[in-house]
Amino acid sequence: MGFLNSIKINFNNKIKIAVYFSPEIKFKGGRNTMKKLRLFLLVSLSIFLFTSYGLSQAAPVDLNEASVEQLAELPGIGEATAKKIIEYREQNGKFETTEDIMNVKGIGEKKYETLKDLITVSN
């Protein structure tokens, strides 16, 4: 029986992590020690990943203040669409609601559904 063959974690196609350990690893404490070590590693890795991921997603992007670079980091928004968002903002004034982003060419209901929890508007 292998020690820890693999862990694969994928967060919205942004963070991909794979961890592999050799099945030849042997510990003096035997099977019980290996189970405790495996549990410790899994819990530690999980805590690290979820807190790191949570911190990076803590603040939504403000459509009225964000730069091209910040907007381009949103899922499904590249540099070209980010420039369109800023262009729309400059021509029409501040976004009043997050739904207003659907007025930007290239952003429809489907894309808005993926963005709505990641964006906000300041007044």
PDB file of N, CA and C in Angstrom:
ATOM      1  N   MET A   1       0.846  -1.176   0.000  1.00  0.00           N
ATOM      2  CA  MET A   1       0.000   0.000   0.000  1.00  0.00           C
ATOM      3  C   MET A   1       0.889   1.235   0.000  1.00  0.00           C
ATOM      4  N   GLY A   2       0.626   2.176  -0.893  1.00  0.00           N
ATOM      5  CA  GLY A   2       1.419   3.391  -1.017  1.00  0.00           C
ATOM      6  C   GLY A   2       1.137   4.373   0.102  1.00  0.00           C
ATOM      7  N   PHE A   3       2.080   5.246   0.327  1.00  0.00           N
ATOM      8  CA  PHE A   3       1.956   6.236   1.395  1.00  0.00           C
ATOM      9  C   PHE A   3       0.911   7.292   1.031  1.00  0.00           C
ATOM     10  N   LEU A   4       1.193   8.112   0.088  1.00  0.00           N
ATOM     11  CA  LEU A   4       0.231   9.090  -0.390  1.00  0.00           C
ATOM     12  C   LEU A   4       0.514   9.220  -1.874  1.00  0.00           C
ATOM     13  N   ASN A   5      -0.325   8.613  -2.671  1.00  0.00           N
ATOM     14  CA  ASN A   5      -0.035   8.561  -4.090  1.00  0.00           C
ATOM     15  C   ASN A   5      -0.232   9.898  -4.782  1.00  0.00           C
ATOM     16  N   SER A   6      -1.323  10.583  -4.482  1.00  0.00           N
ATOM     17  CA  SER A   6      -1.495  11.885  -5.122  1.00  0.00           C
ATOM     18  C   SER A   6      -2.602  12.684  -4.463  1.00  0.00           C
ATOM     19  N   ILE A   7      -2.496  13.980  -4.594  1.00  0.00           N
ATOM     20  CA  ILE A   7      -3.551  14.918  -4.221  1.00  0.00           C
ATOM     21  C   ILE A   7      -3.688  15.834  -5.421  1.00  0.00           C
ATOM     22  N   LYS A   8      -4.878  15.991  -5.937  1.00  0.00           N
ATOM     23  CA  LYS A   8      -5.098  16.914  -7.048  1.00  0.00           C
ATOM     24  C   LYS A   8      -6.218  17.856  -6.660  1.00  0.00           C
ATOM     25  N   ILE A   9      -5.953  19.145  -6.741  1.00  0.00           N
ATOM     26  CA  ILE A   9      -6.929  20.160  -6.363  1.00  0.00           C
ATOM     27  C   ILE A   9      -6.988  21.180  -7.485  1.00  0.00           C
ATOM     28  N   ASN A  10      -8.212  21.577  -7.860  1.00  0.00           N
ATOM     29  CA  ASN A  10      -8.394  22.536  -8.938  1.00  0.00           C
ATOM     30  C   ASN A  10      -9.418  23.574  -8.491  1.00  0.00           C
ATOM     31  N   PHE A  11      -9.038  24.852  -8.479  1.00  0.00           N
ATOM     32  CA  PHE A  11      -9.944  25.935  -8.113  1.00  0.00           C
ATOM     33  C   PHE A  11     -10.248  26.755  -9.348  1.00  0.00           C
ATOM     34  N   ASN A  12     -11.401  26.553  -9.954  1.00  0.00           N
ATOM     35  CA  ASN A  12     -11.859  27.364 -11.085  1.00  0.00           C
ATOM     36  C   ASN A  12     -10.800  27.513 -12.171  1.00  0.00           C
ATOM     37  N   ASN A  13     -10.045  26.469 -12.425  1.00  0.00           N
ATOM     38  CA  ASN A  13      -8.997  26.465 -13.439  1.00  0.00           C
ATOM     39  C   ASN A  13      -7.927  27.532 -13.225  1.00  0.00           C
ATOM     40  N   LYS A  14      -7.849  28.110 -12.040  1.00  0.00           N
ATOM     41  CA  LYS A  14      -6.819  29.106 -11.739  1.00  0.00           C
ATOM     42  C   LYS A  14      -5.661  28.475 -10.976  1.00  0.00           C
ATOM     43  N   ILE A  15      -5.978  27.708  -9.954  1.00  0.00           N
ATOM     44  CA  ILE A  15      -4.947  27.104  -9.120  1.00  0.00           C
ATOM     45  C   ILE A  15      -5.020  25.597  -9.322  1.00  0.00           C
ATOM     46  N   LYS A  16      -3.936  25.021  -9.763  1.00  0.00           N
ATOM     47  CA  LYS A  16      -3.882  23.570  -9.921  1.00  0.00           C
ATOM     48  C   LYS A  16      -2.673  23.074  -9.146  1.00  0.00           C
ATOM     49  N   ILE A  17      -2.909  22.107  -8.298  1.00  0.00           N
ATOM     50  CA  ILE A  17      -1.832  21.582  -7.465  1.00  0.00           C
ATOM     51  C   ILE A  17      -1.885  20.063  -7.497  1.00  0.00           C
ATOM     52  N   ALA A  18      -0.753  19.468  -7.691  1.00  0.00           N
ATOM     53  CA  ALA A  18      -0.655  18.012  -7.615  1.00  0.00           C
ATOM     54  C   ALA A  18       0.521  17.687  -6.705  1.00  0.00           C
ATOM     55  N   VAL A  19       0.307  16.813  -5.751  1.00  0.00           N
ATOM     56  CA  VAL A  19       1.358  16.423  -4.809  1.00  0.00           C
ATOM     57  C   VAL A  19       1.505  14.908  -4.882  1.00  0.00           C
ATOM     58  N   TYR A  20       2.720  14.459  -5.061  1.00  0.00           N
ATOM     59  CA  TYR A  20       2.982  13.027  -5.157  1.00  0.00           C
ATOM     60  C   TYR A  20       4.052  12.639  -4.142  1.00  0.00           C
ATOM     61  N   PHE A  21       3.847  11.533  -3.472  1.00  0.00           N
ATOM     62  CA  PHE A  21       4.832  11.012  -2.544  1.00  0.00           C
ATOM     63  C   PHE A  21       5.191   9.601  -2.979  1.00  0.00           C
ATOM     64  N   SER A  22       6.417   9.243  -2.708  1.00  0.00           N
ATOM     65  CA  SER A  22       6.901   7.926  -3.087  1.00  0.00           C
ATOM     66  C   SER A  22       6.271   6.830  -2.232  1.00  0.00           C
ATOM     67  N   PRO A  23       5.840   5.742  -2.854  1.00  0.00           N
ATOM     68  CA  PRO A  23       5.274   4.637  -2.064  1.00  0.00           C
ATOM     69  C   PRO A  23       6.327   3.878  -1.258  1.00  0.00           C
ATOM     70  N   GLU A  24       7.619   4.160  -1.492  1.00  0.00           N
ATOM     71  CA  GLU A  24       8.684   3.450  -0.772  1.00  0.00           C
ATOM     72  C   GLU A  24       9.000   4.062   0.583  1.00  0.00           C
ATOM     73  N   ILE A  25       8.379   5.172   0.936  1.00  0.00           N
ATOM     74  CA  ILE A  25       8.674   5.814   2.221  1.00  0.00           C
ATOM     75  C   ILE A  25       8.233   4.890   3.362  1.00  0.00           C
ATOM     76  N   LYS A  26       9.147   4.639   4.307  1.00  0.00           N
ATOM     77  CA  LYS A  26       8.821   3.782   5.456  1.00  0.00           C
ATOM     78  C   LYS A  26       9.194   4.523   6.728  1.00  0.00           C
ATOM     79  N   PHE A  27       8.345   4.374   7.727  1.00  0.00           N
ATOM     80  CA  PHE A  27       8.579   5.024   9.011  1.00  0.00           C
ATOM     81  C   PHE A  27       8.681   3.967  10.091  1.00  0.00           C
ATOM     82  N   LYS A  28       9.464   4.286  11.103  1.00  0.00           N
ATOM     83  CA  LYS A  28       9.713   3.355  12.186  1.00  0.00           C
ATOM     84  C   LYS A  28       8.442   3.008  12.955  1.00  0.00           C
ATOM     85  N   GLY A  29       7.516   3.953  13.047  1.00  0.00           N
ATOM     86  CA  GLY A  29       6.322   3.743  13.844  1.00  0.00           C
ATOM     87  C   GLY A  29       5.298   2.793  13.222  1.00  0.00           C
ATOM     88  N   GLY A  30       5.488   2.408  11.982  1.00  0.00           N
ATOM     89  CA  GLY A  30       4.576   1.467  11.359  1.00  0.00           C
ATOM     90  C   GLY A  30       3.359   2.138  10.745  1.00  0.00           C
ATOM     91  N   ARG A  31       2.360   1.305  10.493  1.00  0.00           N
ATOM     92  CA  ARG A  31       1.156   1.735   9.776  1.00  0.00           C
ATOM     93  C   ARG A  31       0.404   2.857  10.501  1.00  0.00           C
ATOM     94  N   ASN A  32       0.283   2.795  11.821  1.00  0.00           N
ATOM     95  CA  ASN A  32      -0.450   3.802  12.574  1.00  0.00           C
ATOM     96  C   ASN A  32       0.210   5.178  12.436  1.00  0.00           C
ATOM     97  N   THR A  33       1.535   5.222  12.502  1.00  0.00           N
ATOM     98  CA  THR A  33       2.265   6.475  12.339  1.00  0.00           C
ATOM     99  C   THR A  33       2.074   7.031  10.934  1.00  0.00           C
ATOM    100  N   MET A  34       2.070   6.166   9.941  1.00  0.00           N
ATOM    101  CA  MET A  34       1.879   6.610   8.557  1.00  0.00           C
ATOM    102  C   MET A  34       0.482   7.190   8.373  1.00  0.00           C
ATOM    103  N   LYS A  35      -0.521   6.592   8.989  1.00  0.00           N
ATOM    104  CA  LYS A  35      -1.884   7.126   8.894  1.00  0.00           C
ATOM    105  C   LYS A  35      -1.962   8.514   9.515  1.00  0.00           C
ATOM    106  N   LYS A  36      -1.320   8.674  10.677  1.00  0.00           N
ATOM    107  CA  LYS A  36      -1.327   9.982  11.342  1.00  0.00           C
ATOM    108  C   LYS A  36      -0.590  11.022  10.501  1.00  0.00           C
ATOM    109  N   LEU A  37       0.542  10.640   9.916  1.00  0.00           N
ATOM    110  CA  LEU A  37       1.311  11.560   9.088  1.00  0.00           C
ATOM    111  C   LEU A  37       0.521  11.938   7.826  1.00  0.00           C
ATOM    112  N   ARG A  38      -0.124  10.964   7.206  1.00  0.00           N
ATOM    113  CA  ARG A  38      -0.928  11.230   6.016  1.00  0.00           C
ATOM    114  C   ARG A  38      -2.070  12.192   6.358  1.00  0.00           C
ATOM    115  N   LEU A  39      -2.733  11.969   7.469  1.00  0.00           N
ATOM    116  CA  LEU A  39      -3.823  12.848   7.898  1.00  0.00           C
ATOM    117  C   LEU A  39      -3.302  14.255   8.182  1.00  0.00           C
ATOM    118  N   PHE A  40      -2.166  14.337   8.868  1.00  0.00           N
ATOM    119  CA  PHE A  40      -1.570  15.635   9.164  1.00  0.00           C
ATOM    120  C   PHE A  40      -1.241  16.388   7.883  1.00  0.00           C
ATOM    121  N   LEU A  41      -0.631  15.709   6.910  1.00  0.00           N
ATOM    122  CA  LEU A  41      -0.281  16.357   5.649  1.00  0.00           C
ATOM    123  C   LEU A  41      -1.515  16.818   4.885  1.00  0.00           C
ATOM    124  N   LEU A  42      -2.533  15.995   4.832  1.00  0.00           N
ATOM    125  CA  LEU A  42      -3.758  16.360   4.121  1.00  0.00           C
ATOM    126  C   LEU A  42      -4.457  17.547   4.778  1.00  0.00           C
ATOM    127  N   VAL A  43      -4.549  17.536   6.103  1.00  0.00           N
ATOM    128  CA  VAL A  43      -5.196  18.637   6.818  1.00  0.00           C
ATOM    129  C   VAL A  43      -4.380  19.916   6.657  1.00  0.00           C
ATOM    130  N   SER A  44      -3.068  19.828   6.801  1.00  0.00           N
ATOM    131  CA  SER A  44      -2.205  21.009   6.662  1.00  0.00           C
ATOM    132  C   SER A  44      -2.313  21.597   5.267  1.00  0.00           C
ATOM    133  N   LEU A  45      -2.249  20.759   4.259  1.00  0.00           N
ATOM    134  CA  LEU A  45      -2.349  21.229   2.884  1.00  0.00           C
ATOM    135  C   LEU A  45      -3.717  21.842   2.615  1.00  0.00           C
ATOM    136  N   SER A  46      -4.755  21.221   3.123  1.00  0.00           N
ATOM    137  CA  SER A  46      -6.106  21.750   2.930  1.00  0.00           C
ATOM    138  C   SER A  46      -6.271  23.112   3.581  1.00  0.00           C
ATOM    139  N   ILE A  47      -5.806  23.248   4.803  1.00  0.00           N
ATOM    140  CA  ILE A  47      -5.916  24.534   5.504  1.00  0.00           C
ATOM    141  C   ILE A  47      -5.150  25.606   4.748  1.00  0.00           C
ATOM    142  N   PHE A  48      -3.946  25.287   4.332  1.00  0.00           N
ATOM    143  CA  PHE A  48      -3.139  26.255   3.586  1.00  0.00           C
ATOM    144  C   PHE A  48      -3.827  26.677   2.293  1.00  0.00           C
ATOM    145  N   LEU A  49      -4.305  25.716   1.524  1.00  0.00           N
ATOM    146  CA  LEU A  49      -4.924  26.039   0.239  1.00  0.00           C
ATOM    147  C   LEU A  49      -6.206  26.831   0.403  1.00  0.00           C
ATOM    148  N   PHE A  50      -7.057  26.421   1.316  1.00  0.00           N
ATOM    149  CA  PHE A  50      -8.335  27.104   1.467  1.00  0.00           C
ATOM    150  C   PHE A  50      -8.173  28.505   2.064  1.00  0.00           C
ATOM    151  N   THR A  51      -7.233  28.695   2.973  1.00  0.00           N
ATOM    152  CA  THR A  51      -7.029  30.045   3.498  1.00  0.00           C
ATOM    153  C   THR A  51      -6.352  30.922   2.460  1.00  0.00           C
ATOM    154  N   SER A  52      -5.404  30.390   1.719  1.00  0.00           N
ATOM    155  CA  SER A  52      -4.743  31.167   0.672  1.00  0.00           C
ATOM    156  C   SER A  52      -5.736  31.534  -0.418  1.00  0.00           C
ATOM    157  N   TYR A  53      -6.534  30.581  -0.832  1.00  0.00           N
ATOM    158  CA  TYR A  53      -7.526  30.834  -1.882  1.00  0.00           C
ATOM    159  C   TYR A  53      -8.574  31.816  -1.381  1.00  0.00           C
ATOM    160  N   GLY A  54      -9.007  31.661  -0.150  1.00  0.00           N
ATOM    161  CA  GLY A  54     -10.006  32.558   0.420  1.00  0.00           C
ATOM    162  C   GLY A  54      -9.502  33.980   0.537  1.00  0.00           C
ATOM    163  N   LEU A  55      -8.233  34.149   0.910  1.00  0.00           N
ATOM    164  CA  LEU A  55      -7.683  35.492   1.030  1.00  0.00           C
ATOM    165  C   LEU A  55      -7.565  36.166  -0.321  1.00  0.00           C
ATOM    166  N   SER A  56      -7.217  35.392  -1.348  1.00  0.00           N
ATOM    167  CA  SER A  56      -7.071  35.995  -2.673  1.00  0.00           C
ATOM    168  C   SER A  56      -8.420  36.364  -3.266  1.00  0.00           C
ATOM    169  N   GLN A  57      -9.481  35.773  -2.799  1.00  0.00           N
ATOM    170  CA  GLN A  57     -10.816  36.049  -3.311  1.00  0.00           C
ATOM    171  C   GLN A  57     -11.639  36.910  -2.361  1.00  0.00           C
ATOM    172  N   ALA A  58     -11.004  37.474  -1.325  1.00  0.00           N
ATOM    173  CA  ALA A  58     -11.743  38.167  -0.283  1.00  0.00           C
ATOM    174  C   ALA A  58     -12.443  39.429  -0.772  1.00  0.00           C
ATOM    175  N   ALA A  59     -11.777  40.260  -1.537  1.00  0.00           N
ATOM    176  CA  ALA A  59     -12.352  41.536  -1.947  1.00  0.00           C
ATOM    177  C   ALA A  59     -12.802  41.472  -3.403  1.00  0.00           C
ATOM    178  N   PRO A  60     -14.090  41.743  -3.649  1.00  0.00           N
ATOM    179  CA  PRO A  60     -14.540  41.769  -5.042  1.00  0.00           C
ATOM    180  C   PRO A  60     -13.928  42.960  -5.784  1.00  0.00           C
ATOM    181  N   VAL A  61     -13.854  42.848  -7.089  1.00  0.00           N
ATOM    182  CA  VAL A  61     -13.289  43.896  -7.930  1.00  0.00           C
ATOM    183  C   VAL A  61     -14.335  44.986  -8.132  1.00  0.00           C
ATOM    184  N   ASP A  62     -13.960  46.219  -7.861  1.00  0.00           N
ATOM    185  CA  ASP A  62     -14.860  47.363  -8.020  1.00  0.00           C
ATOM    186  C   ASP A  62     -14.833  47.819  -9.479  1.00  0.00           C
ATOM    187  N   LEU A  63     -15.958  47.692 -10.161  1.00  0.00           N
ATOM    188  CA  LEU A  63     -16.035  48.056 -11.575  1.00  0.00           C
ATOM    189  C   LEU A  63     -15.752  49.532 -11.818  1.00  0.00           C
ATOM    190  N   ASN A  64     -15.988  50.367 -10.820  1.00  0.00           N
ATOM    191  CA  ASN A  64     -15.781  51.804 -10.989  1.00  0.00           C
ATOM    192  C   ASN A  64     -14.364  52.268 -10.665  1.00  0.00           C
ATOM    193  N   GLU A  65     -13.558  51.400 -10.104  1.00  0.00           N
ATOM    194  CA  GLU A  65     -12.201  51.786  -9.700  1.00  0.00           C
ATOM    195  C   GLU A  65     -11.117  50.892 -10.293  1.00  0.00           C
ATOM    196  N   ALA A  66     -11.472  49.730 -10.805  1.00  0.00           N
ATOM    197  CA  ALA A  66     -10.492  48.728 -11.218  1.00  0.00           C
ATOM    198  C   ALA A  66      -9.708  49.146 -12.459  1.00  0.00           C
ATOM    199  N   SER A  67      -8.471  48.714 -12.486  1.00  0.00           N
ATOM    200  CA  SER A  67      -7.607  48.938 -13.650  1.00  0.00           C
ATOM    201  C   SER A  67      -7.827  47.815 -14.659  1.00  0.00           C
ATOM    202  N   VAL A  68      -7.239  47.973 -15.839  1.00  0.00           N
ATOM    203  CA  VAL A  68      -7.316  46.933 -16.865  1.00  0.00           C
ATOM    204  C   VAL A  68      -6.760  45.627 -16.312  1.00  0.00           C
ATOM    205  N   GLU A  69      -5.641  45.713 -15.609  1.00  0.00           N
ATOM    206  CA  GLU A  69      -4.995  44.503 -15.071  1.00  0.00           C
ATOM    207  C   GLU A  69      -5.897  43.783 -14.070  1.00  0.00           C
ATOM    208  N   GLN A  70      -6.543  44.550 -13.189  1.00  0.00           N
ATOM    209  CA  GLN A  70      -7.424  43.938 -12.187  1.00  0.00           C
ATOM    210  C   GLN A  70      -8.634  43.290 -12.857  1.00  0.00           C
ATOM    211  N   LEU A  71      -9.214  43.960 -13.825  1.00  0.00           N
ATOM    212  CA  LEU A  71     -10.379  43.406 -14.517  1.00  0.00           C
ATOM    213  C   LEU A  71      -9.998  42.168 -15.320  1.00  0.00           C
ATOM    214  N   ALA A  72      -8.828  42.186 -15.934  1.00  0.00           N
ATOM    215  CA  ALA A  72      -8.385  41.057 -16.764  1.00  0.00           C
ATOM    216  C   ALA A  72      -8.167  39.790 -15.956  1.00  0.00           C
ATOM    217  N   GLU A  73      -8.010  39.914 -14.634  1.00  0.00           N
ATOM    218  CA  GLU A  73      -7.835  38.730 -13.785  1.00  0.00           C
ATOM    219  C   GLU A  73      -9.146  37.999 -13.516  1.00  0.00           C
ATOM    220  N   LEU A  74     -10.264  38.643 -13.789  1.00  0.00           N
ATOM    221  CA  LEU A  74     -11.560  37.995 -13.582  1.00  0.00           C
ATOM    222  C   LEU A  74     -11.745  36.862 -14.592  1.00  0.00           C
ATOM    223  N   PRO A  75     -12.430  35.788 -14.200  1.00  0.00           N
ATOM    224  CA  PRO A  75     -12.623  34.667 -15.125  1.00  0.00           C
ATOM    225  C   PRO A  75     -13.445  35.082 -16.344  1.00  0.00           C
ATOM    226  N   GLY A  76     -12.922  34.752 -17.526  1.00  0.00           N
ATOM    227  CA  GLY A  76     -13.630  35.057 -18.761  1.00  0.00           C
ATOM    228  C   GLY A  76     -13.428  36.477 -19.260  1.00  0.00           C
ATOM    229  N   ILE A  77     -12.644  37.268 -18.542  1.00  0.00           N
ATOM    230  CA  ILE A  77     -12.366  38.648 -18.941  1.00  0.00           C
ATOM    231  C   ILE A  77     -10.886  38.744 -19.275  1.00  0.00           C
ATOM    232  N   GLY A  78     -10.586  38.969 -20.519  1.00  0.00           N
ATOM    233  CA  GLY A  78      -9.199  39.173 -20.928  1.00  0.00           C
ATOM    234  C   GLY A  78      -8.899  40.659 -21.002  1.00  0.00           C
ATOM    235  N   GLU A  79      -7.748  40.962 -21.537  1.00  0.00           N
ATOM    236  CA  GLU A  79      -7.328  42.362 -21.625  1.00  0.00           C
ATOM    237  C   GLU A  79      -8.254  43.167 -22.536  1.00  0.00           C
ATOM    238  N   ALA A  80      -8.678  42.591 -23.649  1.00  0.00           N
ATOM    239  CA  ALA A  80      -9.540  43.312 -24.593  1.00  0.00           C
ATOM    240  C   ALA A  80     -10.884  43.669 -23.949  1.00  0.00           C
ATOM    241  N   THR A  81     -11.506  42.712 -23.250  1.00  0.00           N
ATOM    242  CA  THR A  81     -12.787  42.980 -22.604  1.00  0.00           C
ATOM    243  C   THR A  81     -12.611  43.944 -21.443  1.00  0.00           C
ATOM    244  N   ALA A  82     -11.495  43.840 -20.725  1.00  0.00           N
ATOM    245  CA  ALA A  82     -11.214  44.770 -19.626  1.00  0.00           C
ATOM    246  C   ALA A  82     -11.131  46.205 -20.159  1.00  0.00           C
ATOM    247  N   LYS A  83     -10.502  46.372 -21.314  1.00  0.00           N
ATOM    248  CA  LYS A  83     -10.426  47.702 -21.926  1.00  0.00           C
ATOM    249  C   LYS A  83     -11.811  48.198 -22.323  1.00  0.00           C
ATOM    250  N   LYS A  84     -12.678  47.294 -22.802  1.00  0.00           N
ATOM    251  CA  LYS A  84     -14.051  47.673 -23.151  1.00  0.00           C
ATOM    252  C   LYS A  84     -14.828  48.127 -21.913  1.00  0.00           C
ATOM    253  N   ILE A  85     -14.591  47.472 -20.786  1.00  0.00           N
ATOM    254  CA  ILE A  85     -15.270  47.852 -19.532  1.00  0.00           C
ATOM    255  C   ILE A  85     -14.852  49.266 -19.134  1.00  0.00           C
ATOM    256  N   ILE A  86     -13.572  49.545 -19.184  1.00  0.00           N
ATOM    257  CA  ILE A  86     -13.086  50.872 -18.812  1.00  0.00           C
ATOM    258  C   ILE A  86     -13.573  51.914 -19.818  1.00  0.00           C
ATOM    259  N   GLU A  87     -13.572  51.565 -21.088  1.00  0.00           N
ATOM    260  CA  GLU A  87     -14.075  52.469 -22.125  1.00  0.00           C
ATOM    261  C   GLU A  87     -15.551  52.800 -21.879  1.00  0.00           C
ATOM    262  N   TYR A  88     -16.327  51.779 -21.535  1.00  0.00           N
ATOM    263  CA  TYR A  88     -17.751  51.985 -21.218  1.00  0.00           C
ATOM    264  C   TYR A  88     -17.894  52.914 -20.014  1.00  0.00           C
ATOM    265  N   ARG A  89     -17.086  52.681 -19.006  1.00  0.00           N
ATOM    266  CA  ARG A  89     -17.126  53.495 -17.780  1.00  0.00           C
ATOM    267  C   ARG A  89     -16.785  54.952 -18.084  1.00  0.00           C
ATOM    268  N   GLU A  90     -15.799  55.180 -18.940  1.00  0.00           N
ATOM    269  CA  GLU A  90     -15.392  56.540 -19.286  1.00  0.00           C
ATOM    270  C   GLU A  90     -16.454  57.259 -20.120  1.00  0.00           C
ATOM    271  N   GLN A  91     -17.146  56.518 -20.987  1.00  0.00           N
ATOM    272  CA  GLN A  91     -18.149  57.125 -21.860  1.00  0.00           C
ATOM    273  C   GLN A  91     -19.501  57.311 -21.178  1.00  0.00           C
ATOM    274  N   ASN A  92     -19.858  56.431 -20.242  1.00  0.00           N
ATOM    275  CA  ASN A  92     -21.195  56.431 -19.645  1.00  0.00           C
ATOM    276  C   ASN A  92     -21.232  56.779 -18.166  1.00  0.00           C
ATOM    277  N   GLY A  93     -20.094  57.012 -17.576  1.00  0.00           N
ATOM    278  CA  GLY A  93     -20.051  57.289 -16.148  1.00  0.00           C
ATOM    279  C   GLY A  93     -19.963  56.003 -15.349  1.00  0.00           C
ATOM    280  N   LYS A  94     -20.009  56.155 -14.050  1.00  0.00           N
ATOM    281  CA  LYS A  94     -19.861  54.998 -13.149  1.00  0.00           C
ATOM    282  C   LYS A  94     -20.972  53.968 -13.354  1.00  0.00           C
ATOM    283  N   PHE A  95     -20.611  52.710 -13.114  1.00  0.00           N
ATOM    284  CA  PHE A  95     -21.598  51.640 -13.086  1.00  0.00           C
ATOM    285  C   PHE A  95     -22.457  51.851 -11.846  1.00  0.00           C
ATOM    286  N   GLU A  96     -23.763  51.755 -11.996  1.00  0.00           N
ATOM    287  CA  GLU A  96     -24.653  51.920 -10.839  1.00  0.00           C
ATOM    288  C   GLU A  96     -24.952  50.591 -10.167  1.00  0.00           C
ATOM    289  N   THR A  97     -24.993  49.522 -10.944  1.00  0.00           N
ATOM    290  CA  THR A  97     -25.202  48.172 -10.405  1.00  0.00           C
ATOM    291  C   THR A  97     -24.236  47.229 -11.105  1.00  0.00           C
ATOM    292  N   THR A  98     -24.013  46.085 -10.509  1.00  0.00           N
ATOM    293  CA  THR A  98     -23.135  45.109 -11.155  1.00  0.00           C
ATOM    294  C   THR A  98     -23.749  44.604 -12.456  1.00  0.00           C
ATOM    295  N   GLU A  99     -25.076  44.593 -12.546  1.00  0.00           N
ATOM    296  CA  GLU A  99     -25.752  44.134 -13.761  1.00  0.00           C
ATOM    297  C   GLU A  99     -25.431  45.018 -14.962  1.00  0.00           C
ATOM    298  N   ASP A 100     -25.052  46.274 -14.720  1.00  0.00           N
ATOM    299  CA  ASP A 100     -24.716  47.195 -15.808  1.00  0.00           C
ATOM    300  C   ASP A 100     -23.553  46.693 -16.652  1.00  0.00           C
ATOM    301  N   ILE A 101     -22.759  45.787 -16.114  1.00  0.00           N
ATOM    302  CA  ILE A 101     -21.635  45.256 -16.884  1.00  0.00           C
ATOM    303  C   ILE A 101     -22.122  44.516 -18.134  1.00  0.00           C
ATOM    304  N   MET A 102     -23.383  44.074 -18.116  1.00  0.00           N
ATOM    305  CA  MET A 102     -23.926  43.391 -19.289  1.00  0.00           C
ATOM    306  C   MET A 102     -24.158  44.357 -20.449  1.00  0.00           C
ATOM    307  N   ASN A 103     -24.053  45.662 -20.221  1.00  0.00           N
ATOM    308  CA  ASN A 103     -24.142  46.646 -21.297  1.00  0.00           C
ATOM    309  C   ASN A 103     -22.846  46.725 -22.103  1.00  0.00           C
ATOM    310  N   VAL A 104     -21.779  46.135 -21.588  1.00  0.00           N
ATOM    311  CA  VAL A 104     -20.495  46.108 -22.280  1.00  0.00           C
ATOM    312  C   VAL A 104     -20.537  44.996 -23.322  1.00  0.00           C
ATOM    313  N   LYS A 105     -20.150  45.339 -24.547  1.00  0.00           N
ATOM    314  CA  LYS A 105     -20.158  44.344 -25.624  1.00  0.00           C
ATOM    315  C   LYS A 105     -19.262  43.164 -25.258  1.00  0.00           C
ATOM    316  N   GLY A 106     -19.804  41.966 -25.386  1.00  0.00           N
ATOM    317  CA  GLY A 106     -19.048  40.749 -25.071  1.00  0.00           C
ATOM    318  C   GLY A 106     -19.375  40.168 -23.707  1.00  0.00           C
ATOM    319  N   ILE A 107     -20.192  40.870 -22.920  1.00  0.00           N
ATOM    320  CA  ILE A 107     -20.576  40.348 -21.604  1.00  0.00           C
ATOM    321  C   ILE A 107     -22.087  40.202 -21.574  1.00  0.00           C
ATOM    322  N   GLY A 108     -22.523  38.952 -21.565  1.00  0.00           N
ATOM    323  CA  GLY A 108     -23.947  38.658 -21.512  1.00  0.00           C
ATOM    324  C   GLY A 108     -24.335  38.062 -20.174  1.00  0.00           C
ATOM    325  N   GLU A 109     -25.542  37.517 -20.130  1.00  0.00           N
ATOM    326  CA  GLU A 109     -26.055  36.948 -18.878  1.00  0.00           C
ATOM    327  C   GLU A 109     -25.192  35.803 -18.365  1.00  0.00           C
ATOM    328  N   LYS A 110     -24.756  34.940 -19.273  1.00  0.00           N
ATOM    329  CA  LYS A 110     -23.974  33.767 -18.857  1.00  0.00           C
ATOM    330  C   LYS A 110     -22.652  34.198 -18.203  1.00  0.00           C
ATOM    331  N   LYS A 111     -21.959  35.133 -18.839  1.00  0.00           N
ATOM    332  CA  LYS A 111     -20.692  35.603 -18.269  1.00  0.00           C
ATOM    333  C   LYS A 111     -20.946  36.371 -16.973  1.00  0.00           C
ATOM    334  N   TYR A 112     -22.039  37.140 -16.937  1.00  0.00           N
ATOM    335  CA  TYR A 112     -22.373  37.878 -15.715  1.00  0.00           C
ATOM    336  C   TYR A 112     -22.587  36.917 -14.548  1.00  0.00           C
ATOM    337  N   GLU A 113     -23.226  35.792 -14.786  1.00  0.00           N
ATOM    338  CA  GLU A 113     -23.466  34.809 -13.721  1.00  0.00           C
ATOM    339  C   GLU A 113     -22.158  34.324 -13.103  1.00  0.00           C
ATOM    340  N   THR A 114     -21.115  34.198 -13.910  1.00  0.00           N
ATOM    341  CA  THR A 114     -19.821  33.766 -13.353  1.00  0.00           C
ATOM    342  C   THR A 114     -19.105  34.904 -12.628  1.00  0.00           C
ATOM    343  N   LEU A 115     -19.473  36.148 -12.956  1.00  0.00           N
ATOM    344  CA  LEU A 115     -18.788  37.306 -12.381  1.00  0.00           C
ATOM    345  C   LEU A 115     -19.482  37.938 -11.180  1.00  0.00           C
ATOM    346  N   LYS A 116     -20.791  37.756 -11.062  1.00  0.00           N
ATOM    347  CA  LYS A 116     -21.573  38.543 -10.123  1.00  0.00           C
ATOM    348  C   LYS A 116     -21.089  38.499  -8.680  1.00  0.00           C
ATOM    349  N   ASP A 117     -20.514  37.398  -8.238  1.00  0.00           N
ATOM    350  CA  ASP A 117     -20.013  37.314  -6.861  1.00  0.00           C
ATOM    351  C   ASP A 117     -18.581  37.838  -6.733  1.00  0.00           C
ATOM    352  N   LEU A 118     -17.963  38.166  -7.856  1.00  0.00           N
ATOM    353  CA  LEU A 118     -16.577  38.611  -7.854  1.00  0.00           C
ATOM    354  C   LEU A 118     -16.437  40.106  -8.106  1.00  0.00           C
ATOM    355  N   ILE A 119     -17.559  40.779  -8.388  1.00  0.00           N
ATOM    356  CA  ILE A 119     -17.517  42.199  -8.716  1.00  0.00           C
ATOM    357  C   ILE A 119     -18.444  42.996  -7.798  1.00  0.00           C
ATOM    358  N   THR A 120     -18.167  44.298  -7.716  1.00  0.00           N
ATOM    359  CA  THR A 120     -18.991  45.213  -6.940  1.00  0.00           C
ATOM    360  C   THR A 120     -18.915  46.580  -7.600  1.00  0.00           C
ATOM    361  N   VAL A 121     -19.754  47.498  -7.154  1.00  0.00           N
ATOM    362  CA  VAL A 121     -19.690  48.878  -7.644  1.00  0.00           C
ATOM    363  C   VAL A 121     -19.692  49.824  -6.452  1.00  0.00           C
ATOM    364  N   SER A 122     -18.848  50.851  -6.541  1.00  0.00           N
ATOM    365  CA  SER A 122     -18.843  51.903  -5.518  1.00  0.00           C
ATOM    366  C   SER A 122     -19.612  53.089  -6.075  1.00  0.00           C
ATOM    367  N   ASN A 123     -20.191  53.858  -5.199  1.00  0.00           N
ATOM    368  CA  ASN A 123     -20.977  55.019  -5.647  1.00  0.00           C
ATOM    369  C   ASN A 123     -20.197  56.298  -5.517  1.00  0.00           C
TER     370      ASN A 123
END
